[in-house]
């Protein structure tokens, strides 16, 4: 769990909002003790939860109700809303059911998302593409539907080329007529290689290849195309298997896993895919195996990794393989591949290269628009561990009593909602009553700086320099801690006075206000805030003195003024 928390903290340091996708049901009570992806992770990082039910699968009301009731009380409290997904029809038909669901669970239904058609990357096990049948087309590409198939989105770009049919085959007969056979990635190379052999798919692939059909393997598929696959360290259960012998390579599994983003270019390619030679590519690697080519074998792609330039993959006549996921997403890669296959069979395929990245962004924008219109987004924006998504800036100023008092009240209110608060005082020593009580609250961190304990007009030049250094350090510490710990509220008490006395650089404060996390609420107190500071404020409250006991000679009183 510490590793997971460290990974989360690393992301949180760079992003204002993090969306955590669960896996399966959060109410798998038989697996709950090992849950690190659903409610367990939500609790670890103190994240609010939105529970989503798929109405297209049926039984959505029972599913949502049952899930809520199977959770522990603290887990139920973490659920802020229910969402129904993939609804086909008039939402008003659902309305009575939604009301009853809210009454039964005590959770608001914050929206019903309609069923839509968006060409986005699917999960391997849930995609409808896997069941798509081959359609009449100029070019037919068959992807072997391995039992443990993974990363099948590698081939989405091919399916978007006009005149191309991409179908997933798990029976030998379904490979008939394919102009290209693709062996995709897999979660278990050895197990799926056995399946290939036992199902008759391997024999059919070898037969098609011998007849001139090109075969392309990616990651696990690439490993299968070699001579041997060995697992001496029991990474996949141990053992060794003969490969398909389409490529002169041997693979050995190791406990360490290669996971890296990379880019490079395809090398000189002979045969049917020669038009791809030199094409720039980029993508990622995620595999356990180490693959070695024969010294005389030709690599397929040159990649730029962090450790330097390497040659990856292998190619022979009509057989190609690489560890690079996303090779067909490169500009023109899918179109050139399809055109080369069309030319081989004597037909012409026209079209324009699709910018895969831009296309994906367009599709996700369409999905986002649909979701945004369907959900109560204002309510969702208020969910950030129960926190508002918008952090505003307050200034409490004026010559009257109450500036610090108001900021303390706000700090208590915020902490009372379970939020992290940083309360930093400038030109004060942190021994006042408010600091003592705030420090007792686990949600509040108190910092203070007044190293010489004097008013500024009584300080020597050396004491002023000492004070300036101390206040600058306190400002840096308070702001840094607030950002790092994802605080909801940061109070900078008497920061305006620290600036006007010349102990703190106003530009430094302004820069922080302009770059602070969006969710962080900031309070600045003190007399005489400059116009620059006021220009950044969302609230400005002036405490105006009408009467004060010091006019009668009454000194500051413990528990009242300090």
Protein backbone atom coordinates (compact mmCIF):
# COMPACT_ATOMS: atom_id res chain seq x y z
CA UNK A 1 0.00 0.00 0.00
CA UNK A 2 2.81 2.51 0.66
CA UNK A 3 3.89 2.11 -2.98
CA UNK A 4 0.35 2.84 -4.15
CA UNK A 5 0.12 5.88 -1.90
CA UNK A 6 3.47 7.14 -3.17
CA UNK A 7 2.26 6.74 -6.78
CA UNK A 8 -0.91 8.65 -5.96
CA UNK A 9 1.01 11.42 -4.22
CA UNK A 10 3.27 11.73 -7.23
CA UNK A 11 0.25 12.23 -9.50
CA UNK A 12 -1.39 14.60 -7.04
CA UNK A 13 1.69 16.80 -7.01
CA UNK A 14 1.27 17.40 -10.73
CA UNK A 15 -2.52 17.45 -11.13
CA UNK A 16 -5.45 19.29 -9.57
CA UNK A 17 -7.99 16.52 -10.22
CA UNK A 18 -7.41 12.76 -10.23
CA UNK A 19 -10.07 10.33 -11.43
CA UNK A 20 -9.65 6.84 -9.98
CA UNK A 21 -11.29 4.09 -12.01
CA UNK A 22 -12.44 1.08 -10.04
CA UNK A 23 -12.24 -2.50 -11.25
CA UNK A 24 -15.32 -4.69 -11.09
CA UNK A 25 -17.71 -4.29 -8.19
CA UNK A 26 -16.71 -2.54 -4.95
CA UNK A 27 -18.87 -5.05 -3.08
CA UNK A 28 -17.01 -8.28 -3.88
CA UNK A 29 -17.21 -9.37 -0.25
CA UNK A 30 -15.21 -12.54 -0.88
CA UNK A 31 -12.25 -10.50 -2.14
CA UNK A 32 -12.61 -7.46 0.07
CA UNK A 33 -9.64 -8.15 2.32
CA UNK A 34 -7.33 -7.70 -0.68
CA UNK A 35 -9.12 -4.76 -2.29
CA UNK A 36 -6.68 -2.12 -3.46
CA UNK A 37 -8.61 -0.79 -6.47
CA UNK A 38 -12.05 0.14 -5.18
CA UNK A 39 -13.15 1.23 -1.70
CA UNK A 40 -9.78 0.31 -0.22
CA UNK A 41 -7.99 2.78 -2.45
CA UNK A 42 -10.71 5.41 -1.98
CA UNK A 43 -10.20 5.18 1.77
CA UNK A 44 -6.40 5.28 1.44
CA UNK A 45 -6.45 8.60 -0.44
CA UNK A 46 -9.67 9.96 1.11
CA UNK A 47 -11.50 10.13 -2.22
CA UNK A 48 -15.24 10.59 -2.70
CA UNK A 49 -16.97 7.80 -4.65
CA UNK A 50 -19.52 7.89 -7.44
CA UNK A 51 -21.21 4.51 -7.95
CA UNK A 52 -22.05 3.77 -11.60
CA UNK A 53 -24.51 1.10 -12.76
CA UNK A 54 -24.84 -0.23 -16.33
CA UNK A 55 -28.55 -0.38 -17.14
CA UNK A 56 -27.81 -1.97 -20.50
CA UNK A 57 -26.90 -5.19 -18.66
CA UNK A 58 -30.19 -5.22 -16.72
CA UNK A 59 -31.01 -5.14 -13.02
CA UNK A 60 -29.45 -1.74 -12.42
CA UNK A 61 -31.65 -0.78 -9.45
CA UNK A 62 -30.96 -4.03 -7.63
CA UNK A 63 -27.28 -3.75 -8.49
CA UNK A 64 -26.89 -0.22 -7.09
CA UNK A 65 -29.01 -0.90 -4.00
CA UNK A 66 -27.27 -4.19 -3.26
CA UNK A 67 -23.83 -2.70 -3.70
CA UNK A 68 -24.52 0.13 -1.26
CA UNK A 69 -26.00 -2.19 1.36
CA UNK A 70 -23.14 -4.71 1.17
CA UNK A 71 -20.59 -2.04 2.02
CA UNK A 72 -19.48 -1.11 5.52
CA UNK A 73 -20.99 2.03 7.05
CA UNK A 74 -17.85 4.08 6.54
CA UNK A 75 -17.71 2.94 2.92
CA UNK A 76 -21.36 3.83 2.37
CA UNK A 77 -20.64 7.28 3.76
CA UNK A 78 -17.93 7.71 1.16
CA UNK A 79 -20.47 7.29 -1.70
CA UNK A 80 -21.63 10.75 -2.74
CA UNK A 81 -23.90 9.84 -5.61
CA UNK A 82 -25.29 7.23 -8.00
CA UNK A 83 -25.08 7.30 -11.79
CA UNK A 84 -26.99 5.17 -14.28
CA UNK A 85 -25.12 4.56 -17.52
CA UNK A 86 -26.09 3.47 -21.06
CA UNK A 87 -29.81 4.22 -20.83
CA UNK A 88 -31.85 3.86 -24.05
CA UNK A 89 -35.08 5.81 -23.99
CA UNK A 90 -36.94 8.58 -22.18
CA UNK A 91 -35.44 9.38 -18.77
CA UNK A 92 -38.89 10.29 -17.45
CA UNK A 93 -39.79 6.60 -17.57
CA UNK A 94 -37.07 6.01 -14.98
CA UNK A 95 -38.08 8.86 -12.70
CA UNK A 96 -40.24 6.85 -10.21
CA UNK A 97 -37.48 4.25 -9.91
CA UNK A 98 -34.84 6.90 -9.36
CA UNK A 99 -36.87 8.43 -6.52
CA UNK A 100 -37.32 5.06 -4.83
CA UNK A 101 -33.63 4.28 -5.25
CA UNK A 102 -32.71 7.54 -3.53
CA UNK A 103 -35.12 6.78 -0.67
CA UNK A 104 -33.80 3.23 -0.23
CA UNK A 105 -30.09 4.05 -0.37
CA UNK A 106 -30.04 7.57 1.01
CA UNK A 107 -27.85 8.53 -1.95
CA UNK A 108 -28.74 11.06 -4.66
CA UNK A 109 -28.97 9.96 -8.28
CA UNK A 110 -26.88 12.63 -9.96
CA UNK A 111 -27.61 11.67 -13.54
CA UNK A 112 -28.58 9.21 -16.24
CA UNK A 113 -26.11 8.92 -19.11
CA UNK A 114 -27.65 7.90 -22.45
CA UNK A 115 -26.32 5.06 -24.58
CA UNK A 116 -24.05 6.51 -27.20
CA UNK A 117 -21.71 5.45 -29.96
CA UNK A 118 -18.20 6.76 -29.41
CA UNK A 119 -15.12 5.37 -31.09
CA UNK A 120 -12.95 5.26 -27.98
CA UNK A 121 -10.58 2.68 -26.57
CA UNK A 122 -12.44 -0.10 -24.79
CA UNK A 123 -11.43 -2.46 -22.04
CA UNK A 124 -10.15 -5.76 -23.43
CA UNK A 125 -12.86 -7.89 -21.86
CA UNK A 126 -15.80 -5.55 -22.46
CA UNK A 127 -15.51 -4.34 -26.02
CA UNK A 128 -18.27 -5.06 -28.52
CA UNK A 129 -15.63 -4.97 -31.26
CA UNK A 130 -14.44 -8.42 -30.27
CA UNK A 131 -17.74 -9.91 -31.41
CA UNK A 132 -17.88 -8.03 -34.70
CA UNK A 133 -18.06 -10.28 -37.74
CA UNK A 134 -16.11 -9.76 -40.92
CA UNK A 135 -17.91 -7.44 -43.30
CA UNK A 136 -17.49 -7.24 -47.08
CA UNK A 137 -14.48 -5.04 -47.75
CA UNK A 138 -11.61 -4.49 -50.15
CA UNK A 139 -9.10 -5.50 -47.47
CA UNK A 140 -9.78 -8.08 -44.75
CA UNK A 141 -7.66 -8.16 -41.61
CA UNK A 142 -8.06 -10.95 -39.07
CA UNK A 143 -6.94 -10.45 -35.47
CA UNK A 144 -6.59 -13.69 -33.55
CA UNK A 145 -8.97 -13.56 -30.60
CA UNK A 146 -6.70 -15.06 -27.96
CA UNK A 147 -8.46 -16.20 -24.76
CA UNK A 148 -6.31 -13.79 -22.73
CA UNK A 149 -6.08 -11.05 -25.34
CA UNK A 150 -4.87 -7.65 -24.21
CA UNK A 151 -4.20 -4.23 -25.73
CA UNK A 152 -6.46 -4.96 -28.68
CA UNK A 153 -6.83 -1.21 -29.27
CA UNK A 154 -3.54 -1.51 -31.17
CA UNK A 155 -5.65 -2.23 -34.23
CA UNK A 156 -8.37 0.40 -33.93
CA UNK A 157 -6.61 2.64 -36.44
CA UNK A 158 -6.79 -0.13 -39.08
CA UNK A 159 -10.55 -0.47 -38.60
CA UNK A 160 -11.03 3.24 -39.29
CA UNK A 161 -9.56 3.03 -42.81
CA UNK A 162 -12.31 3.13 -45.41
CA UNK A 163 -12.60 -0.18 -47.27
CA UNK A 164 -10.95 -2.22 -44.48
CA UNK A 165 -12.63 -4.87 -42.34
CA UNK A 166 -11.02 -5.86 -39.03
CA UNK A 167 -12.56 -8.96 -37.46
CA UNK A 168 -11.54 -11.08 -34.47
CA UNK A 169 -11.12 -14.78 -35.17
CA UNK A 170 -11.11 -17.68 -32.68
CA UNK A 171 -11.81 -20.50 -35.15
CA UNK A 172 -9.56 -21.65 -38.01
CA UNK A 173 -12.29 -21.15 -40.63
CA UNK A 174 -12.55 -17.46 -39.69
CA UNK A 175 -9.02 -16.88 -41.03
CA UNK A 176 -10.04 -17.78 -44.55
CA UNK A 177 -9.66 -14.89 -46.97
CA UNK A 178 -7.64 -12.73 -44.59
CA UNK A 179 -5.16 -10.40 -46.30
CA UNK A 180 -3.28 -9.93 -43.01
CA UNK A 181 -3.29 -12.00 -39.82
CA UNK A 182 -2.39 -10.23 -36.59
CA UNK A 183 -1.32 -11.96 -33.40
CA UNK A 184 -2.08 -9.47 -30.60
CA UNK A 185 -0.78 -9.06 -27.08
CA UNK A 186 -1.79 -11.43 -24.32
CA UNK A 187 -1.83 -11.61 -20.54
CA UNK A 188 -0.29 -15.10 -20.74
CA UNK A 189 1.87 -15.97 -23.73
CA UNK A 190 2.42 -19.62 -22.81
CA UNK A 191 -1.23 -20.38 -22.09
CA UNK A 192 -2.44 -18.72 -25.27
CA UNK A 193 0.26 -20.42 -27.33
CA UNK A 194 -1.07 -23.76 -26.06
CA UNK A 195 -4.57 -22.65 -27.06
CA UNK A 196 -3.37 -21.71 -30.54
CA UNK A 197 -1.95 -25.19 -30.93
CA UNK A 198 -4.86 -27.11 -29.45
CA UNK A 199 -7.57 -25.14 -31.28
CA UNK A 200 -6.05 -25.64 -34.71
CA UNK A 201 -5.45 -21.90 -35.11
CA UNK A 202 -1.68 -22.30 -35.28
CA UNK A 203 -1.90 -24.81 -38.14
CA UNK A 204 -4.24 -22.51 -40.06
CA UNK A 205 -1.99 -19.48 -39.53
CA UNK A 206 1.06 -21.41 -40.74
CA UNK A 207 -0.89 -22.65 -43.75
CA UNK A 208 -2.01 -19.12 -44.63
CA UNK A 209 1.50 -17.77 -44.20
CA UNK A 210 2.94 -20.46 -46.46
CA UNK A 211 0.39 -19.38 -49.08
CA UNK A 212 1.62 -15.78 -48.93
CA UNK A 213 -0.52 -14.16 -46.21
CA UNK A 214 1.57 -11.81 -44.04
CA UNK A 215 1.50 -12.35 -40.26
CA UNK A 216 2.15 -9.51 -37.81
CA UNK A 217 2.73 -10.07 -34.09
CA UNK A 218 2.75 -7.50 -31.31
CA UNK A 219 4.17 -8.16 -27.84
CA UNK A 220 2.91 -11.62 -26.79
CA UNK A 221 1.97 -12.37 -30.39
CA UNK A 222 5.52 -11.48 -31.40
CA UNK A 223 6.88 -13.89 -28.78
CA UNK A 224 4.67 -16.71 -30.08
CA UNK A 225 6.03 -16.27 -33.60
CA UNK A 226 9.55 -17.24 -32.49
CA UNK A 227 11.22 -20.60 -32.08
CA UNK A 228 10.95 -20.99 -28.30
CA UNK A 229 9.28 -19.38 -25.31
CA UNK A 230 10.79 -20.28 -21.93
CA UNK A 231 9.82 -19.44 -18.37
CA UNK A 232 12.61 -20.57 -16.02
CA UNK A 233 11.54 -18.27 -13.17
CA UNK A 234 7.86 -19.34 -13.14
CA UNK A 235 6.69 -15.92 -14.24
CA UNK A 236 3.82 -17.56 -16.16
CA UNK A 237 3.79 -20.89 -14.41
CA UNK A 238 7.09 -22.22 -15.70
CA UNK A 239 8.04 -24.51 -18.52
CA UNK A 240 9.04 -24.04 -22.13
CA UNK A 241 7.17 -24.31 -25.41
CA UNK A 242 8.07 -24.50 -29.06
CA UNK A 243 6.99 -21.39 -30.89
CA UNK A 244 5.47 -21.04 -34.35
CA UNK A 245 8.93 -20.64 -35.93
CA UNK A 246 7.87 -17.78 -38.17
CA UNK A 247 10.70 -15.60 -36.83
CA UNK A 248 14.30 -16.51 -35.83
CA UNK A 249 13.93 -15.36 -32.21
CA UNK A 250 13.89 -16.92 -28.74
CA UNK A 251 12.12 -15.49 -25.70
CA UNK A 252 12.87 -16.02 -22.02
CA UNK A 253 10.57 -14.64 -19.32
CA UNK A 254 12.14 -12.74 -16.42
CA UNK A 255 10.60 -11.44 -13.16
CA UNK A 256 11.29 -7.82 -14.09
CA UNK A 257 8.77 -6.06 -16.33
CA UNK A 258 9.53 -3.60 -19.11
CA UNK A 259 7.15 -0.63 -19.01
CA UNK A 260 8.16 2.38 -21.03
CA UNK A 261 6.94 5.03 -23.43
CA UNK A 262 9.05 5.11 -26.54
CA UNK A 263 9.33 6.38 -30.08
CA UNK A 264 11.42 5.65 -33.13
CA UNK A 265 11.10 4.65 -36.77
CA UNK A 266 10.47 1.54 -38.81
CA UNK A 267 13.56 0.22 -40.55
CA UNK A 268 13.85 -0.83 -44.18
CA UNK A 269 11.13 -3.38 -44.86
CA UNK A 270 11.00 -5.78 -47.77
CA UNK A 271 7.95 -7.39 -49.26
CA UNK A 272 4.30 -6.43 -48.97
CA UNK A 273 4.79 -3.80 -46.23
CA UNK A 274 7.74 -2.05 -47.85
CA UNK A 275 5.79 1.24 -48.02
CA UNK A 276 6.08 1.46 -44.23
CA UNK A 277 9.88 1.76 -44.38
CA UNK A 278 11.21 4.75 -42.44
CA UNK A 279 7.85 5.70 -40.95
CA UNK A 280 8.09 7.45 -37.58
CA UNK A 281 6.32 5.57 -34.79
CA UNK A 282 5.67 5.98 -31.10
CA UNK A 283 3.90 4.03 -28.40
CA UNK A 284 4.71 1.95 -25.35
CA UNK A 285 6.18 -1.36 -24.26
CA UNK A 286 4.75 -3.53 -21.48
CA UNK A 287 6.10 -7.07 -21.32
CA UNK A 288 7.96 -9.57 -19.16
CA UNK A 289 10.05 -11.34 -21.80
CA UNK A 290 13.53 -10.79 -23.14
CA UNK A 291 13.72 -11.68 -26.82
CA UNK A 292 16.93 -12.39 -28.70
CA UNK A 293 17.24 -12.40 -32.50
CA UNK A 294 19.68 -14.47 -34.48
CA UNK A 295 22.73 -12.46 -35.39
CA UNK A 296 21.73 -12.53 -39.04
CA UNK A 297 18.07 -11.69 -38.40
CA UNK A 298 16.69 -8.30 -39.39
CA UNK A 299 15.07 -6.02 -36.78
CA UNK A 300 11.83 -4.22 -37.57
CA UNK A 301 12.07 -0.90 -35.75
CA UNK A 302 14.67 1.37 -34.17
CA UNK A 303 13.48 2.76 -30.82
CA UNK A 304 14.76 5.58 -28.63
CA UNK A 305 14.65 4.50 -25.00
CA UNK A 306 15.95 6.38 -22.00
CA UNK A 307 19.06 4.23 -21.97
CA UNK A 308 19.68 4.93 -25.65
CA UNK A 309 18.87 3.68 -29.11
CA UNK A 310 17.93 -0.01 -29.57
CA UNK A 311 16.71 -2.22 -32.40
CA UNK A 312 13.46 -4.01 -31.65
CA UNK A 313 11.40 -6.68 -33.30
CA UNK A 314 12.18 -8.94 -36.20
CA UNK A 315 11.15 -9.44 -39.82
CA UNK A 316 11.41 -12.13 -42.44
CA UNK A 317 9.46 -12.64 -45.62
CA UNK A 318 5.81 -11.95 -44.78
CA UNK A 319 6.42 -12.25 -41.01
CA UNK A 320 6.80 -9.22 -38.73
CA UNK A 321 6.92 -8.74 -34.98
CA UNK A 322 7.60 -6.03 -32.41
CA UNK A 323 7.12 -5.18 -28.74
CA UNK A 324 5.88 -1.71 -29.67
CA UNK A 325 2.20 -1.14 -28.91
CA UNK A 326 0.64 1.58 -31.07
CA UNK A 327 2.69 0.97 -34.20
CA UNK A 328 -0.41 1.32 -36.41
CA UNK A 329 -1.40 4.60 -34.71
CA UNK A 330 1.49 6.41 -36.38
CA UNK A 331 0.42 8.93 -39.02
CA UNK A 332 -0.22 7.09 -42.32
CA UNK A 333 0.73 3.68 -40.83
CA UNK A 334 -2.77 2.21 -41.00
CA UNK A 335 -3.54 3.69 -44.43
CA UNK A 336 -0.21 2.58 -45.94
CA UNK A 337 -0.68 -0.91 -44.53
CA UNK A 338 -4.18 -1.18 -45.99
CA UNK A 339 -3.08 0.19 -49.36
CA UNK A 340 -0.16 -2.24 -49.53
CA UNK A 341 -2.49 -5.17 -48.82
CA UNK A 342 -4.96 -3.91 -51.42
CA UNK A 343 -2.22 -3.55 -54.04
CA UNK A 344 -1.06 -7.10 -53.33
CA UNK A 345 -4.49 -8.47 -54.23
CA UNK A 346 -4.85 -6.19 -57.22
CA UNK A 347 -7.38 -3.66 -55.97
CA UNK A 348 -7.12 0.05 -55.33
CA UNK A 349 -7.88 1.57 -51.94
CA UNK A 350 -8.11 5.34 -51.73
CA UNK A 351 -8.44 7.59 -48.73
CA UNK A 352 -6.63 10.04 -46.52
CA UNK A 353 -4.42 9.33 -43.54
CA UNK A 354 -6.22 9.85 -40.25
CA UNK A 355 -4.59 11.78 -37.44
CA UNK A 356 -5.21 9.14 -34.77
CA UNK A 357 -4.43 11.44 -31.85
CA UNK A 358 -6.73 14.22 -33.07
CA UNK A 359 -9.46 11.69 -33.86
CA UNK A 360 -9.29 10.19 -30.37
CA UNK A 361 -9.48 13.64 -28.79
CA UNK A 362 -12.53 14.42 -30.91
CA UNK A 363 -14.28 11.22 -29.80
CA UNK A 364 -13.49 11.80 -26.13
CA UNK A 365 -14.78 15.36 -26.45
CA UNK A 366 -18.07 13.98 -27.81
CA UNK A 367 -18.30 11.58 -24.89
CA UNK A 368 -17.48 14.36 -22.44
CA UNK A 369 -20.22 16.56 -23.90
CA UNK A 370 -22.76 13.76 -23.53
CA UNK A 371 -21.75 13.07 -19.93
CA UNK A 372 -21.69 16.75 -19.03
CA UNK A 373 -25.24 17.26 -20.33
CA UNK A 374 -26.51 14.20 -18.47
CA UNK A 375 -25.06 14.69 -14.99
CA UNK A 376 -25.44 17.28 -12.26
CA UNK A 377 -21.96 18.66 -12.81
CA UNK A 378 -22.34 21.42 -10.23
CA UNK A 379 -22.93 18.77 -7.60
CA UNK A 380 -19.97 16.72 -8.84
CA UNK A 381 -17.70 19.77 -8.78
CA UNK A 382 -18.50 20.08 -5.10
CA UNK A 383 -17.14 16.60 -4.52
CA UNK A 384 -13.47 16.59 -3.72
CA UNK A 385 -13.39 14.64 -0.52
CA UNK A 386 -16.43 16.72 0.39
CA UNK A 387 -14.62 19.85 -0.74
CA UNK A 388 -15.54 22.51 -3.21
CA UNK A 389 -13.66 22.27 -6.43
CA UNK A 390 -13.13 26.03 -6.54
CA UNK A 391 -10.75 27.67 -4.09
CA UNK A 392 -11.32 31.41 -3.71
CA UNK A 393 -9.22 34.18 -2.17
CA UNK A 394 -10.31 36.22 0.90
CA UNK A 395 -8.88 39.43 2.31
CA UNK A 396 -9.80 40.51 5.84
CA UNK A 397 -8.47 44.04 6.36
CA UNK A 398 -9.19 47.34 8.09
CA UNK A 399 -8.30 49.04 11.38
CA UNK A 400 -10.99 47.29 13.39
CA UNK A 401 -10.77 44.19 15.58
CA UNK A 402 -11.79 40.85 14.06
CA UNK A 403 -9.47 40.06 11.14
CA UNK A 404 -7.68 37.16 12.80
CA UNK A 405 -10.85 36.17 14.63
CA UNK A 406 -12.71 35.80 11.34
CA UNK A 407 -9.93 33.73 9.82
CA UNK A 408 -9.88 31.44 12.88
CA UNK A 409 -13.60 30.91 12.58
CA UNK A 410 -13.27 29.96 8.94
CA UNK A 411 -10.40 27.58 9.78
CA UNK A 412 -12.51 25.84 12.43
CA UNK A 413 -15.46 25.56 10.07
CA UNK A 414 -13.30 24.07 7.33
CA UNK A 415 -11.58 21.64 9.70
CA UNK A 416 -14.97 20.62 11.08
CA UNK A 417 -15.78 19.25 7.64
CA UNK A 418 -12.74 17.02 7.74
CA UNK A 419 -10.58 19.25 5.55
CA UNK A 420 -6.87 19.92 5.91
CA UNK A 421 -6.09 23.48 7.03
CA UNK A 422 -2.78 25.35 7.24
CA UNK A 423 -2.84 28.36 9.59
CA UNK A 424 0.28 30.52 9.22
CA UNK A 425 0.87 33.66 11.30
CA UNK A 426 3.32 36.41 10.47
CA UNK A 427 4.70 38.87 13.04
CA UNK A 428 3.21 36.69 15.80
CA UNK A 429 4.90 34.03 17.89
CA UNK A 430 2.19 31.34 17.72
CA UNK A 431 1.48 31.31 21.47
CA UNK A 432 -1.90 33.03 21.32
CA UNK A 433 -5.05 31.22 22.35
CA UNK A 434 -6.25 30.65 18.79
CA UNK A 435 -3.00 28.94 17.81
CA UNK A 436 -3.07 26.73 20.90
CA UNK A 437 -6.56 25.42 20.20
CA UNK A 438 -6.08 25.14 16.44
CA UNK A 439 -2.94 23.08 16.99
CA UNK A 440 -5.04 20.53 18.92
CA UNK A 441 -7.18 19.84 15.86
CA UNK A 442 -5.71 16.97 13.77
CA UNK A 443 -6.87 18.64 10.57
CA UNK A 444 -4.98 21.89 11.26
CA UNK A 445 -1.27 22.64 10.94
CA UNK A 446 -0.12 25.85 12.65
CA UNK A 447 3.00 27.82 11.71
CA UNK A 448 4.23 31.13 13.06
CA UNK A 449 7.20 33.48 12.69
CA UNK A 450 8.21 36.41 14.89
CA UNK A 451 11.84 35.69 15.70
CA UNK A 452 12.65 38.89 17.64
CA UNK A 453 9.30 39.48 19.34
CA UNK A 454 9.20 43.22 18.63
CA UNK A 455 7.11 45.63 16.63
CA UNK A 456 8.84 46.60 13.37
CA UNK A 457 9.40 50.22 14.42
CA UNK A 458 11.42 49.01 17.42
CA UNK A 459 13.67 46.63 15.43
CA UNK A 460 17.28 47.27 14.53
CA UNK A 461 18.38 46.81 10.95
CA UNK A 462 19.86 43.42 11.80
CA UNK A 463 16.62 42.36 13.49
CA UNK A 464 14.66 43.47 10.46
CA UNK A 465 16.82 41.31 8.19
CA UNK A 466 16.41 38.38 10.58
CA UNK A 467 12.65 38.88 10.60
CA UNK A 468 12.46 39.13 6.82
CA UNK A 469 14.38 35.87 6.45
CA UNK A 470 12.16 34.12 9.01
CA UNK A 471 8.91 35.35 7.47
CA UNK A 472 10.02 34.36 3.97
CA UNK A 473 10.90 30.88 5.20
CA UNK A 474 7.52 30.60 6.94
CA UNK A 475 5.68 31.70 3.80
CA UNK A 476 7.54 29.18 1.67
CA UNK A 477 6.97 26.42 4.23
CA UNK A 478 3.26 27.17 4.66
CA UNK A 479 2.47 27.44 0.96
CA UNK A 480 4.60 24.44 0.08
CA UNK A 481 3.00 22.31 2.79
CA UNK A 482 -0.51 23.37 1.80
CA UNK A 483 0.08 22.41 -1.82
CA UNK A 484 1.91 19.19 -1.02
CA UNK A 485 -0.67 17.99 1.48
CA UNK A 486 -3.66 19.06 -0.65
CA UNK A 487 -4.99 21.41 2.02
CA UNK A 488 -8.43 22.87 1.51
CA UNK A 489 -7.69 26.16 3.33
CA UNK A 490 -4.55 28.24 3.81
CA UNK A 491 -4.72 31.19 6.22
CA UNK A 492 -1.91 33.76 5.92
CA UNK A 493 -2.60 35.81 9.04
CA UNK A 494 -1.05 39.32 9.04
CA UNK A 495 0.60 38.66 5.70
CA UNK A 496 -0.53 42.10 4.50
CA UNK A 497 1.32 43.70 7.40
CA UNK A 498 4.39 41.61 6.66
CA UNK A 499 4.35 42.95 3.11
CA UNK A 500 3.76 46.59 4.05
CA UNK A 501 6.63 46.42 6.58
CA UNK A 502 8.95 45.17 3.87
CA UNK A 503 9.51 41.74 5.44
CA UNK A 504 7.87 39.78 2.63
CA UNK A 505 8.06 40.31 -1.12
CA UNK A 506 4.63 41.12 -2.50
CA UNK A 507 5.54 39.69 -5.92
CA UNK A 508 6.22 36.32 -4.28
CA UNK A 509 2.78 36.35 -2.65
CA UNK A 510 1.05 37.41 -5.86
CA UNK A 511 2.81 34.69 -7.86
CA UNK A 512 1.58 32.10 -5.41
CA UNK A 513 -1.99 33.39 -5.62
CA UNK A 514 -1.83 33.19 -9.41
CA UNK A 515 -0.43 29.65 -9.49
CA UNK A 516 -2.04 28.04 -6.42
CA UNK A 517 -4.01 24.82 -6.83
CA UNK A 518 -7.51 25.49 -8.04
CA UNK A 519 -9.06 23.80 -4.99
CA UNK A 520 -7.07 25.73 -2.37
CA UNK A 521 -8.96 28.47 -0.49
CA UNK A 522 -6.63 31.26 0.71
CA UNK A 523 -7.20 33.91 3.38
CA UNK A 524 -4.97 36.98 3.72
CA UNK A 525 -5.35 39.24 6.74
CA UNK A 526 -3.84 42.53 7.85
CA UNK A 527 -4.14 46.26 7.37
CA UNK A 528 -3.57 48.08 4.14
CA UNK A 529 -3.59 45.41 1.43
CA UNK A 530 -2.29 46.86 -1.81
CA UNK A 531 -4.42 47.32 -4.90
CA UNK A 532 -2.52 44.46 -6.50
CA UNK A 533 -3.52 42.07 -3.72
CA UNK A 534 -7.10 43.31 -3.75
CA UNK A 535 -7.29 42.72 -7.49
CA UNK A 536 -6.73 39.00 -6.88
CA UNK A 537 -9.36 38.68 -4.14
CA UNK A 538 -12.83 37.19 -4.47
CA UNK A 539 -13.84 38.36 -0.97
CA UNK A 540 -12.76 41.63 0.65
CA UNK A 541 -14.06 42.27 4.14
CA UNK A 542 -13.05 45.46 5.92
CA UNK A 543 -13.20 45.59 9.71
CA UNK A 544 -13.90 49.25 10.50
CA UNK A 545 -13.23 50.49 14.02
CA UNK A 546 -16.08 52.39 15.62
CA UNK A 547 -14.88 51.99 19.18
CA UNK A 548 -12.02 50.16 20.89
CA UNK A 549 -11.14 49.72 24.62
CA UNK A 550 -7.56 50.86 24.09
CA UNK A 551 -9.06 54.39 23.74
CA UNK A 552 -9.83 54.04 27.45
CA UNK A 553 -6.36 52.71 28.19
CA UNK A 554 -7.48 49.08 28.48
CA UNK A 555 -4.61 46.82 27.39
CA UNK A 556 -4.93 43.63 25.38
CA UNK A 557 -6.55 40.88 27.47
CA UNK A 558 -5.59 37.22 27.54
CA UNK A 559 -8.25 35.04 25.98
CA UNK A 560 -9.87 37.99 24.21
CA UNK A 561 -7.20 39.80 22.24
CA UNK A 562 -4.65 37.00 22.33
